């Protein structure tokens, strides 16, 4: 994946997390951090962030 693809996936994940958080709060669940789906989205966020960071660091090393 190129950096633009990773960034787009990261942004999409952020929107999913925001929407899920909003939905959970609307249904009366205040502790959204304990929700399994939300936790899965957090793991994906961390993986995408690490992938982006690795790509950017690789570019910095080349320069």
PDB file of N, CA and C in Angstrom:
ATOM      1  N   UNK A   1       0.838  -1.193   0.000  1.00  0.00           N
ATOM      2  CA  UNK A   1       0.000   0.000   0.000  1.00  0.00           C
ATOM      3  C   UNK A   1       0.879   1.252   0.000  1.00  0.00           C
ATOM      4  N   UNK A   2       0.418   2.244  -0.693  1.00  0.00           N
ATOM      5  CA  UNK A   2       1.123   3.519  -0.686  1.00  0.00           C
ATOM      6  C   UNK A   2       0.613   4.364   0.488  1.00  0.00           C
ATOM      7  N   UNK A   3       1.337   5.407   0.792  1.00  0.00           N
ATOM      8  CA  UNK A   3       0.995   6.249   1.940  1.00  0.00           C
ATOM      9  C   UNK A   3      -0.427   6.803   1.824  1.00  0.00           C
ATOM     10  N   UNK A   4      -0.822   7.200   0.636  1.00  0.00           N
ATOM     11  CA  UNK A   4      -2.172   7.752   0.451  1.00  0.00           C
ATOM     12  C   UNK A   4      -3.249   6.723   0.792  1.00  0.00           C
ATOM     13  N   UNK A   5      -3.014   5.467   0.412  1.00  0.00           N
ATOM     14  CA  UNK A   5      -3.971   4.401   0.744  1.00  0.00           C
ATOM     15  C   UNK A   5      -4.043   4.165   2.250  1.00  0.00           C
ATOM     16  N   UNK A   6      -2.881   4.143   2.891  1.00  0.00           N
ATOM     17  CA  UNK A   6      -2.845   3.952   4.334  1.00  0.00           C
ATOM     18  C   UNK A   6      -3.548   5.096   5.056  1.00  0.00           C
ATOM     19  N   UNK A   7      -3.317   6.310   4.588  1.00  0.00           N
ATOM     20  CA  UNK A   7      -3.953   7.480   5.211  1.00  0.00           C
ATOM     21  C   UNK A   7      -5.464   7.434   5.014  1.00  0.00           C
ATOM     22  N   UNK A   8      -5.899   7.044   3.826  1.00  0.00           N
ATOM     23  CA  UNK A   8      -7.340   6.938   3.565  1.00  0.00           C
ATOM     24  C   UNK A   8      -7.966   5.874   4.468  1.00  0.00           C
ATOM     25  N   UNK A   9      -7.287   4.755   4.636  1.00  0.00           N
ATOM     26  CA  UNK A   9      -7.795   3.703   5.521  1.00  0.00           C
ATOM     27  C   UNK A   9      -7.818   4.182   6.963  1.00  0.00           C
ATOM     28  N   UNK A  10      -6.801   4.918   7.369  1.00  0.00           N
ATOM     29  CA  UNK A  10      -6.737   5.466   8.731  1.00  0.00           C
ATOM     30  C   UNK A  10      -7.902   6.432   8.963  1.00  0.00           C
ATOM     31  N   UNK A  11      -8.150   7.301   8.000  1.00  0.00           N
ATOM     32  CA  UNK A  11      -9.257   8.261   8.118  1.00  0.00           C
ATOM     33  C   UNK A  11     -10.611   7.549   8.148  1.00  0.00           C
ATOM     34  N   UNK A  12     -10.764   6.518   7.328  1.00  0.00           N
ATOM     35  CA  UNK A  12     -12.007   5.752   7.314  1.00  0.00           C
ATOM     36  C   UNK A  12     -12.224   5.069   8.663  1.00  0.00           C
ATOM     37  N   UNK A  13     -11.158   4.522   9.223  1.00  0.00           N
ATOM     38  CA  UNK A  13     -11.237   3.895  10.537  1.00  0.00           C
ATOM     39  C   UNK A  13     -11.641   4.917  11.591  1.00  0.00           C
ATOM     40  N   UNK A  14     -11.086   6.117  11.514  1.00  0.00           N
ATOM     41  CA  UNK A  14     -11.435   7.167  12.477  1.00  0.00           C
ATOM     42  C   UNK A  14     -12.924   7.511  12.388  1.00  0.00           C
ATOM     43  N   UNK A  15     -13.446   7.550  11.160  1.00  0.00           N
ATOM     44  CA  UNK A  15     -14.876   7.836  10.984  1.00  0.00           C
ATOM     45  C   UNK A  15     -15.718   6.697  11.551  1.00  0.00           C
ATOM     46  N   UNK A  16     -15.297   5.465  11.319  1.00  0.00           N
ATOM     47  CA  UNK A  16     -16.025   4.321  11.864  1.00  0.00           C
ATOM     48  C   UNK A  16     -16.046   4.371  13.399  1.00  0.00           C
ATOM     49  N   UNK A  17     -14.907   4.677  14.000  1.00  0.00           N
ATOM     50  CA  UNK A  17     -14.839   4.762  15.461  1.00  0.00           C
ATOM     51  C   UNK A  17     -15.747   5.859  15.986  1.00  0.00           C
ATOM     52  N   UNK A  18     -15.734   7.003  15.316  1.00  0.00           N
ATOM     53  CA  UNK A  18     -16.573   8.126  15.735  1.00  0.00           C
ATOM     54  C   UNK A  18     -18.054   7.766  15.628  1.00  0.00           C
ATOM     55  N   UNK A  19     -18.431   7.157  14.509  1.00  0.00           N
ATOM     56  CA  UNK A  19     -19.828   6.768  14.307  1.00  0.00           C
ATOM     57  C   UNK A  19     -20.272   5.714  15.321  1.00  0.00           C
ATOM     58  N   UNK A  20     -19.407   4.741  15.586  1.00  0.00           N
ATOM     59  CA  UNK A  20     -19.746   3.698  16.554  1.00  0.00           C
ATOM     60  C   UNK A  20     -19.877   4.286  17.952  1.00  0.00           C
ATOM     61  N   UNK A  21     -18.958   5.161  18.297  1.00  0.00           N
ATOM     62  CA  UNK A  21     -19.003   5.814  19.613  1.00  0.00           C
ATOM     63  C   UNK A  21     -20.315   6.579  19.781  1.00  0.00           C
ATOM     64  N   UNK A  22     -20.699   7.304  18.744  1.00  0.00           N
ATOM     65  CA  UNK A  22     -21.943   8.070  18.762  1.00  0.00           C
ATOM     66  C   UNK A  22     -23.154   7.141  18.898  1.00  0.00           C
ATOM     67  N   UNK A  23     -23.133   6.042  18.159  1.00  0.00           N
ATOM     68  CA  UNK A  23     -24.223   5.078  18.202  1.00  0.00           C
ATOM     69  C   UNK A  23     -24.330   4.420  19.578  1.00  0.00           C
ATOM     70  N   UNK A  24     -23.215   4.054  20.149  1.00  0.00           N
ATOM     71  CA  UNK A  24     -23.222   3.431  21.469  1.00  0.00           C
ATOM     72  C   UNK A  24     -23.739   4.397  22.536  1.00  0.00           C
ATOM     73  N   UNK A  25     -23.299   5.641  22.456  1.00  0.00           N
ATOM     74  CA  UNK A  25     -23.776   6.639  23.418  1.00  0.00           C
ATOM     75  C   UNK A  25     -25.275   6.877  23.264  1.00  0.00           C
ATOM     76  N   UNK A  26     -25.762   6.880  22.022  1.00  0.00           N
ATOM     77  CA  UNK A  26     -27.185   7.094  21.770  1.00  0.00           C
ATOM     78  C   UNK A  26     -28.025   5.947  22.326  1.00  0.00           C
ATOM     79  N   UNK A  27     -27.437   4.748  22.361  1.00  0.00           N
ATOM     80  CA  UNK A  27     -28.177   3.605  22.895  1.00  0.00           C
ATOM     81  C   UNK A  27     -27.988   3.445  24.402  1.00  0.00           C
ATOM     82  N   UNK A  28     -27.337   4.432  25.021  1.00  0.00           N
ATOM     83  CA  UNK A  28     -27.201   4.432  26.474  1.00  0.00           C
ATOM     84  C   UNK A  28     -25.941   3.783  27.005  1.00  0.00           C
ATOM     85  N   UNK A  29     -25.048   3.361  26.129  1.00  0.00           N
ATOM     86  CA  UNK A  29     -23.793   2.747  26.567  1.00  0.00           C
ATOM     87  C   UNK A  29     -22.734   3.839  26.670  1.00  0.00           C
ATOM     88  N   UNK A  30     -22.386   4.172  27.896  1.00  0.00           N
ATOM     89  CA  UNK A  30     -21.392   5.225  28.117  1.00  0.00           C
ATOM     90  C   UNK A  30     -19.959   4.689  28.030  1.00  0.00           C
ATOM     91  N   UNK A  31     -19.761   3.430  28.425  1.00  0.00           N
ATOM     92  CA  UNK A  31     -18.416   2.855  28.416  1.00  0.00           C
ATOM     93  C   UNK A  31     -18.160   2.147  27.087  1.00  0.00           C
ATOM     94  N   UNK A  32     -17.965   2.921  26.042  1.00  0.00           N
ATOM     95  CA  UNK A  32     -17.765   2.371  24.705  1.00  0.00           C
ATOM     96  C   UNK A  32     -16.425   1.658  24.581  1.00  0.00           C
ATOM     97  N   UNK A  33     -15.468   1.978  25.456  1.00  0.00           N
ATOM     98  CA  UNK A  33     -14.152   1.338  25.398  1.00  0.00           C
ATOM     99  C   UNK A  33     -14.216  -0.157  25.680  1.00  0.00           C
ATOM    100  N   UNK A  34     -15.241  -0.619  26.366  1.00  0.00           N
ATOM    101  CA  UNK A  34     -15.357  -2.045  26.660  1.00  0.00           C
ATOM    102  C   UNK A  34     -16.074  -2.810  25.550  1.00  0.00           C
ATOM    103  N   UNK A  35     -16.542  -2.113  24.534  1.00  0.00           N
ATOM    104  CA  UNK A  35     -17.233  -2.746  23.408  1.00  0.00           C
ATOM    105  C   UNK A  35     -16.213  -3.460  22.523  1.00  0.00           C
ATOM    106  N   UNK A  36     -16.494  -4.710  22.175  1.00  0.00           N
ATOM    107  CA  UNK A  36     -15.577  -5.515  21.373  1.00  0.00           C
ATOM    108  C   UNK A  36     -15.298  -4.945  19.997  1.00  0.00           C
ATOM    109  N   UNK A  37     -16.325  -4.457  19.333  1.00  0.00           N
ATOM    110  CA  UNK A  37     -16.155  -3.883  17.989  1.00  0.00           C
ATOM    111  C   UNK A  37     -15.289  -2.623  18.072  1.00  0.00           C
ATOM    112  N   UNK A  38     -15.539  -1.810  19.088  1.00  0.00           N
ATOM    113  CA  UNK A  38     -14.738  -0.590  19.260  1.00  0.00           C
ATOM    114  C   UNK A  38     -13.277  -0.959  19.511  1.00  0.00           C
ATOM    115  N   UNK A  39     -13.046  -1.978  20.319  1.00  0.00           N
ATOM    116  CA  UNK A  39     -11.678  -2.432  20.589  1.00  0.00           C
ATOM    117  C   UNK A  39     -10.997  -2.930  19.311  1.00  0.00           C
ATOM    118  N   UNK A  40     -11.744  -3.624  18.470  1.00  0.00           N
ATOM    119  CA  UNK A  40     -11.190  -4.077  17.193  1.00  0.00           C
ATOM    120  C   UNK A  40     -10.783  -2.891  16.321  1.00  0.00           C
ATOM    121  N   UNK A  41     -11.605  -1.855  16.310  1.00  0.00           N
ATOM    122  CA  UNK A  41     -11.280  -0.656  15.528  1.00  0.00           C
ATOM    123  C   UNK A  41     -10.036   0.037  16.070  1.00  0.00           C
ATOM    124  N   UNK A  42      -9.852   0.000  17.373  1.00  0.00           N
ATOM    125  CA  UNK A  42      -8.653   0.590  17.983  1.00  0.00           C
ATOM    126  C   UNK A  42      -7.408  -0.181  17.548  1.00  0.00           C
ATOM    127  N   UNK A  43      -7.502  -1.509  17.512  1.00  0.00           N
ATOM    128  CA  UNK A  43      -6.369  -2.333  17.066  1.00  0.00           C
ATOM    129  C   UNK A  43      -6.030  -2.017  15.615  1.00  0.00           C
ATOM    130  N   UNK A  44      -7.034  -1.902  14.776  1.00  0.00           N
ATOM    131  CA  UNK A  44      -6.811  -1.561  13.368  1.00  0.00           C
ATOM    132  C   UNK A  44      -6.174  -0.179  13.266  1.00  0.00           C
ATOM    133  N   UNK A  45      -6.648   0.769  14.080  1.00  0.00           N
ATOM    134  CA  UNK A  45      -6.073   2.115  14.086  1.00  0.00           C
ATOM    135  C   UNK A  45      -4.583   2.066  14.418  1.00  0.00           C
ATOM    136  N   UNK A  46      -4.222   1.312  15.434  1.00  0.00           N
ATOM    137  CA  UNK A  46      -2.824   1.209  15.829  1.00  0.00           C
ATOM    138  C   UNK A  46      -1.973   0.579  14.735  1.00  0.00           C
ATOM    139  N   UNK A  47      -2.515  -0.452  14.087  1.00  0.00           N
ATOM    140  CA  UNK A  47      -1.780  -1.103  12.995  1.00  0.00           C
ATOM    141  C   UNK A  47      -1.583  -0.158  11.813  1.00  0.00           C
ATOM    142  N   UNK A  48      -2.624   0.585  11.474  1.00  0.00           N
ATOM    143  CA  UNK A  48      -2.512   1.541  10.368  1.00  0.00           C
ATOM    144  C   UNK A  48      -1.528   2.656  10.704  1.00  0.00           C
ATOM    145  N   UNK A  49      -1.589   3.137  11.932  1.00  0.00           N
ATOM    146  CA  UNK A  49      -0.671   4.202  12.360  1.00  0.00           C
ATOM    147  C   UNK A  49       0.773   3.715  12.282  1.00  0.00           C
ATOM    148  N   UNK A  50       1.022   2.506  12.764  1.00  0.00           N
ATOM    149  CA  UNK A  50       2.382   1.959  12.713  1.00  0.00           C
ATOM    150  C   UNK A  50       2.853   1.782  11.274  1.00  0.00           C
ATOM    151  N   UNK A  51       1.975   1.325  10.399  1.00  0.00           N
ATOM    152  CA  UNK A  51       2.335   1.159   8.989  1.00  0.00           C
ATOM    153  C   UNK A  51       2.663   2.511   8.363  1.00  0.00           C
ATOM    154  N   UNK A  52       1.852   3.516   8.664  1.00  0.00           N
ATOM    155  CA  UNK A  52       2.132   4.869   8.149  1.00  0.00           C
ATOM    156  C   UNK A  52       3.465   5.383   8.667  1.00  0.00           C
ATOM    157  N   UNK A  53       3.694   5.201   9.944  1.00  0.00           N
ATOM    158  CA  UNK A  53       4.931   5.677  10.559  1.00  0.00           C
ATOM    159  C   UNK A  53       6.148   4.981   9.936  1.00  0.00           C
ATOM    160  N   UNK A  54       6.043   3.693   9.697  1.00  0.00           N
ATOM    161  CA  UNK A  54       7.147   2.956   9.075  1.00  0.00           C
ATOM    162  C   UNK A  54       7.434   3.454   7.674  1.00  0.00           C
ATOM    163  N   UNK A  55       6.370   3.722   6.897  1.00  0.00           N
ATOM    164  CA  UNK A  55       6.570   4.235   5.526  1.00  0.00           C
ATOM    165  C   UNK A  55       7.233   5.611   5.543  1.00  0.00           C
ATOM    166  N   UNK A  56       6.785   6.457   6.440  1.00  0.00           N
ATOM    167  CA  UNK A  56       7.339   7.807   6.527  1.00  0.00           C
ATOM    168  C   UNK A  56       8.789   7.756   6.985  1.00  0.00           C
ATOM    169  N   UNK A  57       9.081   6.914   7.951  1.00  0.00           N
ATOM    170  CA  UNK A  57      10.454   6.779   8.423  1.00  0.00           C
ATOM    171  C   UNK A  57      11.360   6.234   7.332  1.00  0.00           C
ATOM    172  N   UNK A  58      10.847   5.334   6.494  1.00  0.00           N
ATOM    173  CA  UNK A  58      11.625   4.800   5.389  1.00  0.00           C
ATOM    174  C   UNK A  58      11.973   5.908   4.394  1.00  0.00           C
ATOM    175  N   UNK A  59      11.035   6.804   4.168  1.00  0.00           N
ATOM    176  CA  UNK A  59      11.290   7.926   3.255  1.00  0.00           C
ATOM    177  C   UNK A  59      12.337   8.856   3.852  1.00  0.00           C
ATOM    178  N   UNK A  60      12.245   9.110   5.152  1.00  0.00           N
ATOM    179  CA  UNK A  60      13.214   9.991   5.817  1.00  0.00           C
ATOM    180  C   UNK A  60      14.623   9.430   5.720  1.00  0.00           C
ATOM    181  N   UNK A  61      14.771   8.089   5.816  1.00  0.00           N
ATOM    182  CA  UNK A  61      16.087   7.470   5.748  1.00  0.00           C
ATOM    183  C   UNK A  61      16.709   7.618   4.370  1.00  0.00           C
ATOM    184  N   UNK A  62      15.864   7.613   3.356  1.00  0.00           N
ATOM    185  CA  UNK A  62      16.361   7.738   1.984  1.00  0.00           C
ATOM    186  C   UNK A  62      16.940   9.127   1.740  1.00  0.00           C
ATOM    187  N   UNK A  63      16.323  10.122   2.322  1.00  0.00           N
ATOM    188  CA  UNK A  63      16.779  11.495   2.109  1.00  0.00           C
ATOM    189  C   UNK A  63      18.018  11.704   2.903  1.00  0.00           C
TER     190      UNK A  63
END
